[in-house]
Amino acid sequence: MTRRRTQRSTDGAPTLIDCDIHQRWKDESEVIQYLPEQYKDRGLQAPEILYDNVAEFSRRDAIPDDGSHPGSDIPKMKDQHLDEFGVDYAILTGNSYLNLTALPNDDYAAELAVASNKWAIDRWLSEGGPFVGSLLAAPQKPKRMAEMIRNLGQHPRVVQVVMPMAAQLPYGHEYYWPMYEAAEEMGLPIALHPYTEGHGVTRPPTGAGYPRTYFEWHTLLGTYAMGQLVSLVAEGVLPSFPDLDFVVIEGGLSWVPHFLWRMDKDWKALRAQVPYLEKPPSEYVKDQVRFTTQPIEEPDDSEHLLQILKMMNASETVMFASDYPHWDTDSPLYALPPMPEEMEAGVMAGNAQELYGLPDDPASLPTK
């Protein structure tokens, strides 16, 4: 890709909002202290990772000077990424090593979600500046998560709820609806983020079963997003919660146009099965779903990617994400093709600012 032209706002509005930054703790004890007493001895446990980059999951150059985990050091993150690229807002999406839906003990998974969110609020959101954050959810305990959303979602720097992309039931099922009710009530979008696919008690990561390599797993991330998104549409979540928005993080986006075309075609012939869909599925998606850019597809001809962005109305539906500090971090300077001015403004900052209701000045957001 060619280097995108940089653009500075003349009215003080943000020009770069990064919608997927992973923060971590330096030591597990930071989070364990927030767990209920019965789980403190258990500590932070997650199922064995079946699919991972065998070399290094995170960037080696993102390791702090003290040798702690990439993403655990605020000065390092600011110097290497936020200040380097002029990031106005960093949307923190949590520690992806917490395979919450992969845990068979749903009570423990729920309390681990609550504990990690309390830690993130105290450690990161209290820092202020560009940091706003997400509540990680363990959706196998929807009523407990609804309680958590209503409680912790009151924090002024909490801007969304993040659910793992993988689950034991597709997310359209009414089993999960208590969380959707709470998120809609609190005005918080729900984001779907991959990592637990094929781990623990989750389903196989592909429609063909379990692959052998991380290469296969990573290539097919978009297919998991498709499965969850069509469930949200077909089970009536979007029309039932018209004020609730969803975000598909780290699923790529070149599949979106053909996915919408296929849903619309099938809806015309099979609409008796989904009578609550009063308009084509693509319209619900365009109104209530946003897609982040990373990991962006990179065709030999960048014009082809620009055509896809136009097909999915990226000026209103796409938001930039880097996935810092992971191995495949996308640079805001090089990841995307040259875009029309209106599209670039929406993708790089405008769509995220509108979705999350972010003020122009991050300093105006309270830290408590």
Foldseek 3Di string as FASTA:
>chain_A
DAFADDDDDPVLFFQFAAAEAEADAQDQVLLLVQFPPVCSVVTQDFFDAQAADPPFFFDPVQQDPVRGDRRHDPVSCCVVPCVVAVHQAYEYEYDLRRLLQQDPPVVRSARSQLSRLVSCLVPPLLVFGRYAYEREGNQVCQVSLLVSCLVSVVALRYQAYEYELWHQDQPLDPSNVSNVVSCLVSLHAYEYHYDNAPTHPTAHQDPVGHDNHNVVSLVQLLVSVLRNLVSNLQSPVCVVRVSYAYEYEANEQLCPLVSQVVQQVVCVVPVVSRVSPPDRSLVSCLRGYAYEHPVYDDDPDLVVVQVSCVSSVLLAHYAYHQNPRTPRGDDPGPNHDHHPPSNSSSHRHVNVCVSRVPDSHSNVGRSD
